Amino acid sequence: MWAEELPEDVSYDSYGYYPPSDYDRPGKSHTGDPRQDLEYERQYQQQTYIVPEVIKNFLTYFQKCIKEQNLFEIQHSYENGFNKLTDRFFKNTPWPDASVIASIVGNDYIFLILYKELFYRHIYARVPGGPTQDQRFESYYNYCNLFNYILNAEGPVPLELPNQWLWDIIDEFIYQFQSFSLYRSKVTKKTDDDMDHLRRNPKIWNVHSVLNVLHSLVEKSNINRQLEVFSSGGDPDSVSGEFGQQSLYKMLGYFSLIGLLRLHSLLGDYYQALKVLESIDFNKKNMYSRVPACQITTFYYVGFAYLMMRRYQDAIRTFSNVLLYIQRTKQMFQNRASLYDQISKMNDKMYTLLAISLVLHPMRIDESVHSQLREKFADRMLRMQKGDMGEFETSFSFACPKFLSPVPPNYDQMTPTFHKEPFLLQLKVFLQEVTQQILLPTIRSYLKLYTTLPMSKLATFMDLTDEELQTNLMCFKHKMKNVVWTKGTSGLEGEFQSASEVDFYIDKDMIHIADTKVARRYGDFFIRQIHKFEEITHNLKQVQ
């Protein structure tokens, strides 16, 4: 089981938190170890902390809802109660330590694990300075406890959580792995003790542990088989097995597939990122896609993988679909500030990636998305079309994921820029591809002006030799043709197609050009806008 990836010097108990140290013993106040003395002081301060009565009442009620598996009240407490109390009492400070909360909720093993999951997530998101190194380790051990409880049980565990919380658990688990990987790659602001502690614990937040968790949840839930049956119109429960029938395992399995997509993308393995999603049909709405943040994350990483694999048509289709989805559903997020901010940032990133894709491979997209793109990115797209490599680099740097190295660094030979190396490698690959196509927008603009054009004349326009022009024309033909998904559930499948709005052939040093662009159907656009305004008018009349 994946928990065996823990460091050898940790005496791990699958039903404990972490090994008791000297400061847990009665009457022990000084150990001679500065790290343990600081921890003792922190524990002592927490134990003397007076928890407000409203917090006690909330936690007691929250615990009761989880015990009774009251899904509606759990969701309400998770999405509203916890966030409102956070803004009121703990906006920039941690919630009380679990040792303090234990005196309120008793020795409730599962509730304390879930509480600590929220506790550490809040520290990562809201506390200035972020988590300490010890807190990063403690959060990892807490995830060990949670996933061992779920995966090591002989039968399905008696636990029900809302889909949003289950998604947040997987999403945060990968985020904290990503955060730790970047943290350990930076030499700045670390003491010698911190560096020594990292050297002694190479298996904490190890990539194999994270992969093992996600694959174990996928296998336990039998989610791939369920999705295959669902896509073919069958009943997923017929192949789900004992664990897969439970919502907890089914949804964790599905979200783990999305987690694997994200993780492989962060590591730069785009083929494997799409490979893990072969059982998911993105062109069908289904019961698994009811968490908006999961939907948006999925399409962002799928679109980015397509972009890096030079499948521009698929990237454009993917980004257009999800941006249209955000346009239509953004009102759902406005009352949830943190989710709204997160989705707004992702929205800007995807518009940037869509702009890059359209510069490299112009094609028609939905009119409403296109109008937003013109409004926000017209100047940047113009600079990219003119071959401004600095604009390509800036846009890619803003919109790409935070790439990771899968292995711990050599702490004795680290440089101040070591943490940037995975990003710089992906940037280099991207810019190499762009450099190969740098003259294609100019060639395209000339070809659109003529039906026939001598090669020598075009070579003069572009200040190239005939041989250089011929090479670039062949490059144009090659780059405008790529694999495009047409049918099936696998995003890796497809057929070679060309979506270029101009096509040409060369005969005796003469370029013959055909305009393949299909005129925009403006009628459909106006009809959609008329229906939209009629609906708004109807709603206004009802309000009056």
Protein backbone atom coordinates (compact mmCIF):
# COMPACT_ATOMS: atom_id res chain seq x y z
CA MET A 1 0.00 0.00 0.00
CA TRP A 2 1.15 3.52 -0.75
CA ALA A 3 1.70 4.48 2.90
CA GLU A 4 4.83 2.33 2.85
CA GLU A 5 6.45 5.24 1.01
CA LEU A 6 6.81 7.06 4.36
CA PRO A 7 10.38 7.71 5.55
CA GLU A 8 12.02 4.83 7.35
CA ASP A 9 12.78 6.94 10.41
CA VAL A 10 9.07 7.56 11.08
CA SER A 11 7.36 4.88 13.13
CA TYR A 12 4.09 5.02 11.22
CA ASP A 13 0.80 3.83 12.62
CA SER A 14 -1.95 3.75 9.99
CA TYR A 15 -4.49 4.76 12.62
CA GLY A 16 -2.38 7.39 14.38
CA TYR A 17 -1.21 10.85 13.56
CA TYR A 18 2.56 10.88 14.06
CA PRO A 19 4.83 9.39 16.71
CA PRO A 20 4.50 11.00 20.18
CA SER A 21 7.52 13.13 21.02
CA ASP A 22 8.91 14.31 24.33
CA TYR A 23 6.65 17.32 24.60
CA ASP A 24 3.59 15.02 24.86
CA ARG A 25 4.81 13.55 28.14
CA PRO A 26 3.41 15.00 31.37
CA GLY A 27 5.79 17.41 33.08
CA LYS A 28 8.19 17.57 30.13
CA SER A 29 8.97 21.21 29.31
CA HIS A 30 12.56 21.24 28.06
CA THR A 31 14.28 18.71 25.81
CA GLY A 32 17.47 20.49 24.76
CA ASP A 33 16.28 20.28 21.13
CA PRO A 34 15.29 23.79 19.94
CA ARG A 35 12.83 22.37 17.38
CA GLN A 36 11.00 20.29 19.98
CA ASP A 37 11.04 23.15 22.51
CA LEU A 38 9.41 25.46 19.97
CA GLU A 39 6.82 22.82 19.20
CA TYR A 40 6.16 22.38 22.94
CA GLU A 41 5.63 26.12 23.29
CA ARG A 42 3.21 26.12 20.33
CA GLN A 43 1.25 23.24 21.83
CA TYR A 44 1.14 24.96 25.20
CA GLN A 45 -0.16 28.19 23.66
CA GLN A 46 -2.84 26.25 21.79
CA GLN A 47 -3.91 24.41 24.92
CA THR A 48 -4.36 27.72 26.79
CA TYR A 49 -6.28 29.21 23.84
CA ILE A 50 -9.94 29.92 24.68
CA VAL A 51 -12.18 28.78 21.82
CA PRO A 52 -15.14 31.13 21.22
CA GLU A 53 -18.51 29.59 22.06
CA VAL A 54 -19.82 30.00 18.51
CA ILE A 55 -16.84 27.96 17.21
CA LYS A 56 -17.52 25.21 19.77
CA ASN A 57 -21.18 25.07 18.75
CA PHE A 58 -20.30 24.97 15.05
CA LEU A 59 -17.74 22.16 15.45
CA THR A 60 -20.09 20.10 17.63
CA TYR A 61 -22.87 20.47 15.07
CA PHE A 62 -20.47 19.79 12.16
CA GLN A 63 -19.29 16.61 13.89
CA LYS A 64 -22.90 15.51 14.46
CA CYS A 65 -23.78 16.00 10.76
CA ILE A 66 -20.77 13.93 9.64
CA LYS A 67 -21.60 11.13 12.10
CA GLU A 68 -25.21 11.04 10.90
CA GLN A 69 -24.08 11.34 7.25
CA ASN A 70 -26.49 14.24 6.73
CA LEU A 71 -25.12 15.29 3.33
CA PHE A 72 -27.17 18.47 2.94
CA GLU A 73 -26.13 19.87 6.34
CA ILE A 74 -22.50 18.78 5.84
CA GLN A 75 -22.41 20.70 2.56
CA HIS A 76 -24.02 23.77 4.16
CA SER A 77 -21.56 23.72 7.07
CA TYR A 78 -18.59 23.13 4.76
CA GLU A 79 -19.39 25.75 2.11
CA ASN A 80 -21.04 28.43 4.28
CA GLY A 81 -20.53 27.92 8.02
CA PHE A 82 -16.79 27.24 7.94
CA ASN A 83 -16.06 30.09 5.51
CA LYS A 84 -18.16 32.65 7.40
CA LEU A 85 -16.51 31.79 10.71
CA THR A 86 -13.11 31.92 9.02
CA ASP A 87 -13.78 35.47 7.77
CA ARG A 88 -15.06 36.48 11.22
CA PHE A 89 -12.44 34.92 13.53
CA PHE A 90 -9.50 33.54 11.52
CA LYS A 91 -9.17 35.69 8.40
CA ASN A 92 -5.36 35.82 8.56
CA THR A 93 -4.62 33.43 11.44
CA PRO A 94 -4.85 29.63 11.79
CA TRP A 95 -7.86 27.88 13.26
CA PRO A 96 -7.23 26.29 16.71
CA ASP A 97 -4.90 23.31 16.68
CA ALA A 98 -6.48 19.85 16.54
CA SER A 99 -5.24 19.14 20.09
CA VAL A 100 -7.46 22.01 21.30
CA ILE A 101 -10.42 20.88 19.19
CA ALA A 102 -10.11 17.34 20.58
CA SER A 103 -11.23 18.66 23.96
CA ILE A 104 -14.47 19.83 22.30
CA VAL A 105 -15.30 16.94 19.94
CA GLY A 106 -13.66 14.12 21.91
CA ASN A 107 -11.41 11.47 20.43
CA ASP A 108 -13.30 11.34 17.12
CA TYR A 109 -10.59 10.01 14.82
CA ILE A 110 -12.32 10.74 11.48
CA PHE A 111 -13.62 14.16 12.40
CA LEU A 112 -10.19 15.25 13.62
CA ILE A 113 -8.58 14.09 10.35
CA LEU A 114 -11.17 16.05 8.34
CA TYR A 115 -10.73 19.06 10.62
CA LYS A 116 -6.96 18.96 10.13
CA GLU A 117 -7.47 18.78 6.36
CA LEU A 118 -9.41 22.08 6.59
CA PHE A 119 -6.94 23.48 9.15
CA TYR A 120 -3.86 23.02 6.93
CA ARG A 121 -5.69 24.08 3.78
CA HIS A 122 -6.62 27.35 5.47
CA ILE A 123 -2.97 27.93 6.45
CA TYR A 124 -1.83 27.39 2.84
CA ALA A 125 -4.50 29.75 1.49
CA ARG A 126 -4.92 32.56 4.00
CA VAL A 127 -2.17 32.74 6.64
CA PRO A 128 0.58 35.28 5.76
CA GLY A 129 3.87 33.54 5.07
CA GLY A 130 2.14 30.23 4.36
CA PRO A 131 2.89 26.96 6.16
CA THR A 132 6.09 26.23 8.04
CA GLN A 133 8.18 23.23 7.04
CA ASP A 134 6.81 21.28 10.00
CA GLN A 135 3.24 22.10 8.96
CA ARG A 136 3.97 20.84 5.44
CA PHE A 137 5.14 17.55 6.94
CA GLU A 138 2.20 17.33 9.35
CA SER A 139 -0.29 17.94 6.56
CA TYR A 140 1.29 15.09 4.59
CA TYR A 141 0.95 12.73 7.56
CA ASN A 142 -2.68 13.76 7.92
CA TYR A 143 -3.34 12.86 4.28
CA CYS A 144 -1.63 9.52 5.02
CA ASN A 145 -4.17 8.91 7.79
CA LEU A 146 -7.13 9.93 5.64
CA PHE A 147 -6.27 7.84 2.59
CA ASN A 148 -5.20 4.82 4.64
CA TYR A 149 -8.55 4.92 6.41
CA ILE A 150 -10.39 4.96 3.07
CA LEU A 151 -8.17 2.51 1.16
CA ASN A 152 -7.17 -0.03 3.82
CA ALA A 153 -10.68 -0.83 5.03
CA GLU A 154 -12.01 -4.34 4.33
CA GLY A 155 -15.33 -2.84 3.24
CA PRO A 156 -16.60 0.64 2.30
CA VAL A 157 -16.10 3.07 5.19
CA PRO A 158 -19.19 4.72 6.75
CA LEU A 159 -18.40 8.21 5.47
CA GLU A 160 -20.36 10.49 3.14
CA LEU A 161 -19.03 13.86 2.02
CA PRO A 162 -20.32 16.37 -0.57
CA ASN A 163 -18.82 16.14 -4.05
CA GLN A 164 -17.36 19.63 -3.70
CA TRP A 165 -15.42 18.63 -0.56
CA LEU A 166 -14.18 15.39 -2.17
CA TRP A 167 -12.93 17.37 -5.16
CA ASP A 168 -11.28 19.92 -2.86
CA ILE A 169 -9.48 17.11 -1.00
CA ILE A 170 -7.92 15.73 -4.21
CA ASP A 171 -7.27 19.21 -5.59
CA GLU A 172 -5.60 20.38 -2.37
CA PHE A 173 -3.59 17.14 -2.06
CA ILE A 174 -2.00 17.79 -5.47
CA TYR A 175 -1.62 21.51 -4.78
CA GLN A 176 0.27 20.83 -1.54
CA PHE A 177 2.53 18.34 -3.35
CA GLN A 178 3.16 21.01 -6.00
CA SER A 179 3.81 23.63 -3.31
CA PHE A 180 6.24 21.36 -1.44
CA SER A 181 8.11 20.44 -4.65
CA LEU A 182 8.67 24.13 -5.40
CA TYR A 183 9.51 24.88 -1.74
CA ARG A 184 12.25 22.25 -1.49
CA SER A 185 13.79 23.48 -4.78
CA LYS A 186 14.41 26.98 -3.41
CA VAL A 187 17.53 27.57 -1.34
CA THR A 188 16.53 31.01 -0.10
CA LYS A 189 15.07 31.61 3.39
CA LYS A 190 16.02 28.15 4.66
CA THR A 191 18.11 27.48 7.76
CA ASP A 192 20.71 24.73 7.94
CA ASP A 193 18.28 22.77 10.14
CA ASP A 194 15.58 23.05 7.46
CA MET A 195 17.93 21.80 4.76
CA ASP A 196 19.13 18.96 6.97
CA HIS A 197 15.54 17.96 7.74
CA LEU A 198 14.72 17.86 4.02
CA ARG A 199 17.78 15.70 3.30
CA ARG A 200 16.74 13.18 5.97
CA ASN A 201 13.16 12.92 4.66
CA PRO A 202 13.31 12.41 0.88
CA LYS A 203 10.08 10.39 0.86
CA ILE A 204 7.87 13.12 2.34
CA TRP A 205 5.58 14.34 -0.47
CA ASN A 206 7.31 11.88 -2.80
CA VAL A 207 5.87 11.77 -6.33
CA HIS A 208 5.48 7.96 -6.09
CA SER A 209 3.35 8.34 -2.96
CA VAL A 210 1.08 10.86 -4.66
CA LEU A 211 0.74 8.70 -7.79
CA ASN A 212 0.05 5.64 -5.64
CA VAL A 213 -2.78 7.41 -3.83
CA LEU A 214 -4.47 8.50 -7.04
CA HIS A 215 -4.07 5.14 -8.80
CA SER A 216 -5.25 3.27 -5.69
CA LEU A 217 -8.43 5.37 -5.54
CA VAL A 218 -9.03 4.78 -9.26
CA GLU A 219 -8.62 1.01 -8.86
CA LYS A 220 -10.63 0.78 -5.63
CA SER A 221 -13.60 2.55 -7.23
CA ASN A 222 -13.36 0.67 -10.54
CA ILE A 223 -14.18 4.06 -12.07
CA ASN A 224 -12.68 3.39 -15.51
CA ARG A 225 -14.93 0.39 -16.05
CA GLN A 226 -17.92 2.37 -14.77
CA LEU A 227 -17.20 5.19 -17.23
CA GLU A 228 -16.82 2.76 -20.13
CA VAL A 229 -20.21 1.22 -19.39
CA PHE A 230 -21.79 4.66 -18.87
CA SER A 231 -20.44 5.90 -22.24
CA SER A 232 -21.94 2.89 -24.01
CA GLY A 233 -25.35 3.55 -22.43
CA GLY A 234 -25.20 0.86 -19.73
CA ASP A 235 -25.66 0.95 -15.96
CA PRO A 236 -22.37 1.81 -14.18
CA ASP A 237 -23.55 0.13 -10.95
CA SER A 238 -23.52 -3.24 -12.73
CA VAL A 239 -19.70 -3.17 -12.84
CA SER A 240 -18.93 -0.89 -9.88
CA GLY A 241 -18.23 -3.56 -7.29
CA GLU A 242 -18.69 -3.22 -3.53
CA PHE A 243 -16.63 -0.04 -3.19
CA GLY A 244 -17.54 1.65 -6.47
CA GLN A 245 -21.24 1.66 -5.60
CA GLN A 246 -20.54 4.07 -2.74
CA SER A 247 -20.55 7.75 -3.69
CA LEU A 248 -17.40 8.38 -1.62
CA TYR A 249 -15.28 5.92 -3.61
CA LYS A 250 -16.92 6.60 -6.97
CA MET A 251 -16.35 10.36 -6.82
CA LEU A 252 -12.86 10.09 -5.32
CA GLY A 253 -12.00 7.70 -8.17
CA TYR A 254 -13.29 10.14 -10.80
CA PHE A 255 -11.57 13.13 -9.22
CA SER A 256 -8.35 11.11 -8.99
CA LEU A 257 -8.41 10.70 -12.78
CA ILE A 258 -8.54 14.49 -13.10
CA GLY A 259 -5.79 14.68 -10.48
CA LEU A 260 -3.62 12.37 -12.60
CA LEU A 261 -4.29 14.58 -15.65
CA ARG A 262 -3.08 17.58 -13.67
CA LEU A 263 -0.08 15.80 -12.15
CA HIS A 264 1.21 14.45 -15.48
CA SER A 265 0.78 17.91 -17.03
CA LEU A 266 2.82 19.47 -14.21
CA LEU A 267 5.55 16.90 -14.93
CA GLY A 268 5.45 17.65 -18.68
CA ASP A 269 4.10 14.23 -19.78
CA TYR A 270 1.20 15.39 -21.95
CA TYR A 271 0.59 12.08 -23.69
CA GLN A 272 0.12 10.28 -20.37
CA ALA A 273 -2.01 13.18 -19.09
CA LEU A 274 -4.56 12.54 -21.86
CA LYS A 275 -4.09 8.77 -21.67
CA VAL A 276 -5.50 8.56 -18.11
CA LEU A 277 -8.76 10.17 -19.32
CA GLU A 278 -9.44 7.68 -22.12
CA SER A 279 -12.63 6.46 -20.41
CA ILE A 280 -14.17 9.94 -20.03
CA ASP A 281 -16.39 11.26 -22.84
CA PHE A 282 -16.11 15.05 -22.62
CA ASN A 283 -18.86 15.54 -25.20
CA LYS A 284 -21.51 14.09 -22.88
CA LYS A 285 -22.94 15.73 -19.80
CA ASN A 286 -22.90 13.25 -16.93
CA MET A 287 -23.35 12.85 -13.20
CA TYR A 288 -19.61 13.15 -12.64
CA SER A 289 -19.37 16.71 -13.97
CA ARG A 290 -21.45 18.56 -11.38
CA VAL A 291 -18.53 20.29 -9.66
CA PRO A 292 -17.73 23.43 -11.71
CA ALA A 293 -14.15 23.78 -10.40
CA CYS A 294 -13.44 20.19 -11.49
CA GLN A 295 -14.90 20.82 -14.96
CA ILE A 296 -12.84 23.97 -15.47
CA THR A 297 -9.63 22.35 -14.19
CA THR A 298 -10.17 19.38 -16.50
CA PHE A 299 -10.61 21.46 -19.64
CA TYR A 300 -7.70 23.76 -18.75
CA TYR A 301 -5.21 20.89 -18.49
CA VAL A 302 -6.66 18.99 -21.47
CA GLY A 303 -6.46 22.15 -23.60
CA PHE A 304 -2.91 22.87 -22.44
CA ALA A 305 -1.83 19.29 -23.19
CA TYR A 306 -3.28 19.61 -26.72
CA LEU A 307 -1.44 22.92 -27.21
CA MET A 308 1.91 21.43 -26.21
CA MET A 309 1.29 18.40 -28.45
CA ARG A 310 0.69 20.78 -31.41
CA ARG A 311 -2.95 19.71 -31.70
CA TYR A 312 -4.16 23.29 -32.06
CA GLN A 313 -7.67 22.59 -33.36
CA ASP A 314 -8.41 20.36 -30.36
CA ALA A 315 -6.89 22.94 -28.00
CA ILE A 316 -9.05 25.72 -29.50
CA ARG A 317 -12.19 23.58 -29.31
CA THR A 318 -11.46 22.65 -25.69
CA PHE A 319 -10.76 26.22 -24.54
CA SER A 320 -13.76 27.61 -26.46
CA ASN A 321 -16.12 25.10 -24.85
CA VAL A 322 -15.00 25.77 -21.30
CA LEU A 323 -14.91 29.57 -21.74
CA LEU A 324 -18.46 29.43 -23.07
CA TYR A 325 -19.38 27.28 -20.03
CA ILE A 326 -17.87 29.90 -17.67
CA GLN A 327 -19.77 32.70 -19.44
CA ARG A 328 -23.05 30.90 -18.92
CA THR A 329 -22.48 29.80 -15.31
CA LYS A 330 -20.43 32.65 -13.77
CA GLN A 331 -23.43 33.90 -11.77
CA MET A 332 -23.28 30.65 -9.78
CA PHE A 333 -19.87 31.59 -8.33
CA GLN A 334 -20.42 35.26 -7.46
CA ASN A 335 -21.54 34.55 -3.89
CA ARG A 336 -18.41 32.45 -3.19
CA ALA A 337 -15.50 34.89 -3.22
CA SER A 338 -12.59 32.41 -3.11
CA LEU A 339 -14.06 30.17 -5.83
CA TYR A 340 -14.96 33.19 -7.97
CA ASP A 341 -11.40 34.54 -7.75
CA GLN A 342 -9.95 31.14 -8.61
CA ILE A 343 -12.21 30.69 -11.63
CA SER A 344 -11.57 34.28 -12.80
CA LYS A 345 -7.80 33.63 -12.80
CA MET A 346 -8.29 30.37 -14.69
CA ASN A 347 -10.57 32.18 -17.14
CA ASP A 348 -7.84 34.75 -17.93
CA LYS A 349 -5.26 32.00 -18.37
CA MET A 350 -7.45 30.08 -20.81
CA TYR A 351 -8.21 33.19 -22.88
CA THR A 352 -4.43 33.75 -23.10
CA LEU A 353 -3.84 30.15 -24.22
CA LEU A 354 -6.71 30.45 -26.72
CA ALA A 355 -5.11 33.62 -28.12
CA ILE A 356 -1.78 31.78 -28.56
CA SER A 357 -3.52 28.84 -30.25
CA LEU A 358 -5.45 31.07 -32.66
CA VAL A 359 -2.30 32.99 -33.64
CA LEU A 360 -0.57 29.70 -34.45
CA HIS A 361 -3.63 28.13 -36.07
CA PRO A 362 -6.38 30.63 -37.11
CA MET A 363 -9.89 29.17 -37.27
CA ARG A 364 -13.50 30.07 -36.53
CA ILE A 365 -14.73 29.98 -32.92
CA ASP A 366 -17.97 30.80 -31.12
CA GLU A 367 -18.93 34.44 -31.67
CA SER A 368 -19.43 35.33 -28.00
CA VAL A 369 -16.01 33.90 -27.06
CA HIS A 370 -14.47 35.61 -30.08
CA SER A 371 -15.89 39.01 -29.05
CA GLN A 372 -14.46 38.64 -25.53
CA LEU A 373 -11.11 37.65 -27.03
CA ARG A 374 -11.06 40.72 -29.30
CA GLU A 375 -11.95 42.98 -26.39
CA LYS A 376 -9.26 41.69 -24.00
CA PHE A 377 -6.43 40.36 -26.18
CA ALA A 378 -6.54 42.12 -29.57
CA ASP A 379 -3.28 44.05 -28.98
CA ARG A 380 -1.42 41.02 -27.64
CA MET A 381 -2.57 38.83 -30.53
CA LEU A 382 -1.45 41.50 -33.01
CA ARG A 383 2.02 41.57 -31.46
CA MET A 384 2.24 37.76 -31.60
CA GLN A 385 1.10 37.76 -35.25
CA LYS A 386 3.95 40.17 -36.02
CA GLY A 387 6.42 37.69 -34.57
CA ASP A 388 7.06 39.31 -31.18
CA MET A 389 8.78 36.43 -29.31
CA GLY A 390 8.74 38.44 -26.08
CA GLU A 391 4.93 38.52 -26.19
CA PHE A 392 4.79 34.76 -26.76
CA GLU A 393 7.08 34.23 -23.77
CA THR A 394 5.13 36.58 -21.51
CA SER A 395 1.78 35.03 -22.44
CA PHE A 396 3.05 31.48 -21.98
CA SER A 397 4.65 32.34 -18.63
CA PHE A 398 1.38 33.78 -17.35
CA ALA A 399 -0.93 31.03 -18.58
CA CYS A 400 1.07 27.80 -18.12
CA PRO A 401 0.93 25.55 -15.01
CA LYS A 402 3.74 25.64 -12.42
CA PHE A 403 5.88 22.82 -13.75
CA LEU A 404 7.65 20.46 -11.36
CA SER A 405 10.63 18.15 -11.19
CA PRO A 406 9.55 14.64 -10.13
CA VAL A 407 12.68 14.00 -8.05
CA PRO A 408 14.15 15.76 -4.98
CA PRO A 409 17.04 18.12 -5.78
CA ASN A 410 20.66 17.61 -4.88
CA TYR A 411 20.70 19.98 -1.91
CA ASP A 412 24.49 20.35 -2.02
CA GLN A 413 24.53 21.63 -5.60
CA MET A 414 21.38 23.76 -5.78
CA THR A 415 21.48 27.16 -7.49
CA PRO A 416 19.14 30.10 -6.73
CA THR A 417 17.30 29.45 -10.03
CA PHE A 418 17.05 25.66 -9.66
CA HIS A 419 13.27 25.80 -9.02
CA LYS A 420 12.77 27.48 -12.42
CA GLU A 421 14.44 24.73 -14.46
CA PRO A 422 11.27 22.66 -15.18
CA PHE A 423 9.49 25.82 -16.39
CA LEU A 424 12.46 26.95 -18.49
CA LEU A 425 12.61 23.54 -20.18
CA GLN A 426 8.90 23.67 -21.16
CA LEU A 427 9.27 27.30 -22.26
CA LYS A 428 12.22 26.32 -24.48
CA VAL A 429 10.16 23.56 -26.14
CA PHE A 430 7.26 25.96 -26.72
CA LEU A 431 9.42 28.76 -28.15
CA GLN A 432 11.20 26.32 -30.47
CA GLU A 433 7.83 25.42 -31.96
CA VAL A 434 6.84 29.09 -32.27
CA THR A 435 10.18 29.97 -33.91
CA GLN A 436 9.52 27.39 -36.63
CA GLN A 437 6.23 29.14 -37.43
CA ILE A 438 7.29 32.76 -36.97
CA LEU A 439 6.90 33.69 -40.67
CA LEU A 440 3.63 31.81 -41.27
CA PRO A 441 1.24 34.66 -40.29
CA THR A 442 3.01 36.95 -42.79
CA ILE A 443 2.85 34.30 -45.53
CA ARG A 444 -0.84 33.76 -44.76
CA SER A 445 -1.61 37.48 -45.02
CA TYR A 446 -0.02 37.67 -48.50
CA LEU A 447 -1.72 34.50 -49.75
CA LYS A 448 -5.12 35.89 -48.74
CA LEU A 449 -4.61 38.85 -51.10
CA TYR A 450 -4.02 36.83 -54.29
CA THR A 451 -5.39 33.95 -56.30
CA THR A 452 -2.09 33.43 -58.16
CA LEU A 453 1.30 34.74 -57.14
CA PRO A 454 4.80 34.13 -58.56
CA MET A 455 7.17 32.67 -55.99
CA SER A 456 9.82 35.22 -56.89
CA LYS A 457 7.40 38.07 -56.15
CA LEU A 458 6.45 36.66 -52.73
CA ALA A 459 10.14 36.04 -51.98
CA THR A 460 10.83 39.72 -52.74
CA PHE A 461 7.94 40.83 -50.49
CA MET A 462 9.32 38.78 -47.62
CA ASP A 463 13.01 39.47 -48.28
CA LEU A 464 13.79 35.75 -48.63
CA THR A 465 15.58 33.63 -51.21
CA ASP A 466 13.49 31.27 -53.34
CA GLU A 467 14.84 28.29 -51.39
CA GLU A 468 14.00 29.89 -48.02
CA LEU A 469 10.48 30.76 -49.25
CA GLN A 470 9.90 27.21 -50.49
CA THR A 471 10.98 25.85 -47.11
CA ASN A 472 8.54 28.19 -45.33
CA LEU A 473 5.69 27.30 -47.71
CA MET A 474 6.23 23.60 -46.98
CA CYS A 475 6.35 24.47 -43.27
CA PHE A 476 2.98 26.25 -43.73
CA LYS A 477 1.48 23.10 -45.27
CA HIS A 478 2.92 20.91 -42.49
CA LYS A 479 1.96 23.10 -39.53
CA MET A 480 -1.61 23.73 -40.69
CA LYS A 481 -2.31 20.00 -40.69
CA ASN A 482 -2.60 18.23 -37.37
CA VAL A 483 -4.40 15.38 -35.61
CA VAL A 484 -7.99 16.33 -34.72
CA TRP A 485 -10.36 14.41 -32.45
CA THR A 486 -13.46 13.26 -34.35
CA LYS A 487 -15.13 10.47 -32.35
CA GLY A 488 -14.66 8.07 -29.44
CA THR A 489 -13.89 8.73 -25.78
CA SER A 490 -10.09 8.82 -26.06
CA GLY A 491 -8.71 12.32 -26.45
CA LEU A 492 -5.60 10.84 -28.08
CA GLU A 493 -7.50 9.49 -31.09
CA GLY A 494 -8.06 11.58 -34.19
CA GLU A 495 -7.54 12.11 -37.89
CA PHE A 496 -5.18 14.39 -39.81
CA GLN A 497 -7.09 17.49 -40.92
CA SER A 498 -6.32 21.00 -42.12
CA ALA A 499 -8.41 23.93 -40.94
CA SER A 500 -6.41 26.61 -42.72
CA GLU A 501 -8.54 29.32 -44.32
CA VAL A 502 -6.21 29.38 -47.32
CA ASP A 503 -4.79 26.50 -49.33
CA PHE A 504 -2.39 26.52 -52.25
CA TYR A 505 -0.30 24.44 -54.61
CA ILE A 506 2.84 25.33 -56.59
CA ASP A 507 3.08 24.76 -60.35
CA LYS A 508 6.12 25.95 -62.31
CA ASP A 509 7.16 28.60 -59.78
CA MET A 510 3.61 29.94 -59.60
CA ILE A 511 1.59 29.73 -56.36
CA HIS A 512 -2.12 28.99 -56.95
CA ILE A 513 -4.25 29.97 -53.94
CA ALA A 514 -7.75 28.86 -52.99
CA ASP A 515 -9.76 30.59 -50.24
CA THR A 516 -11.32 27.82 -48.15
CA LYS A 517 -12.84 30.14 -45.52
CA VAL A 518 -16.57 29.60 -44.90
CA ALA A 519 -18.50 32.83 -44.45
CA ARG A 520 -19.71 33.48 -40.91
CA ARG A 521 -23.39 32.76 -40.37
CA TYR A 522 -24.32 36.05 -38.74
CA GLY A 523 -28.03 35.15 -38.81
CA ASP A 524 -27.54 32.46 -36.17
CA PHE A 525 -25.69 34.90 -33.93
CA PHE A 526 -28.46 37.53 -34.12
CA ILE A 527 -31.16 34.92 -33.51
CA ARG A 528 -29.33 33.75 -30.33
CA GLN A 529 -29.05 37.35 -29.10
CA ILE A 530 -32.77 37.99 -29.79
CA HIS A 531 -33.73 34.90 -27.76
CA LYS A 532 -31.43 36.00 -24.94
CA PHE A 533 -33.01 39.48 -24.76
CA GLU A 534 -36.52 38.01 -24.91
CA GLU A 535 -35.65 35.80 -21.93
CA ILE A 536 -34.27 38.79 -19.98
CA THR A 537 -37.42 40.83 -20.77
CA HIS A 538 -39.63 37.94 -19.67
CA ASN A 539 -37.75 37.60 -16.37
CA LEU A 540 -37.97 41.34 -15.72
CA LYS A 541 -41.74 41.30 -16.27
CA GLN A 542 -42.07 38.45 -13.77
CA VAL A 543 -40.08 40.39 -11.15
CA GLN A 544 -42.34 43.44 -11.62
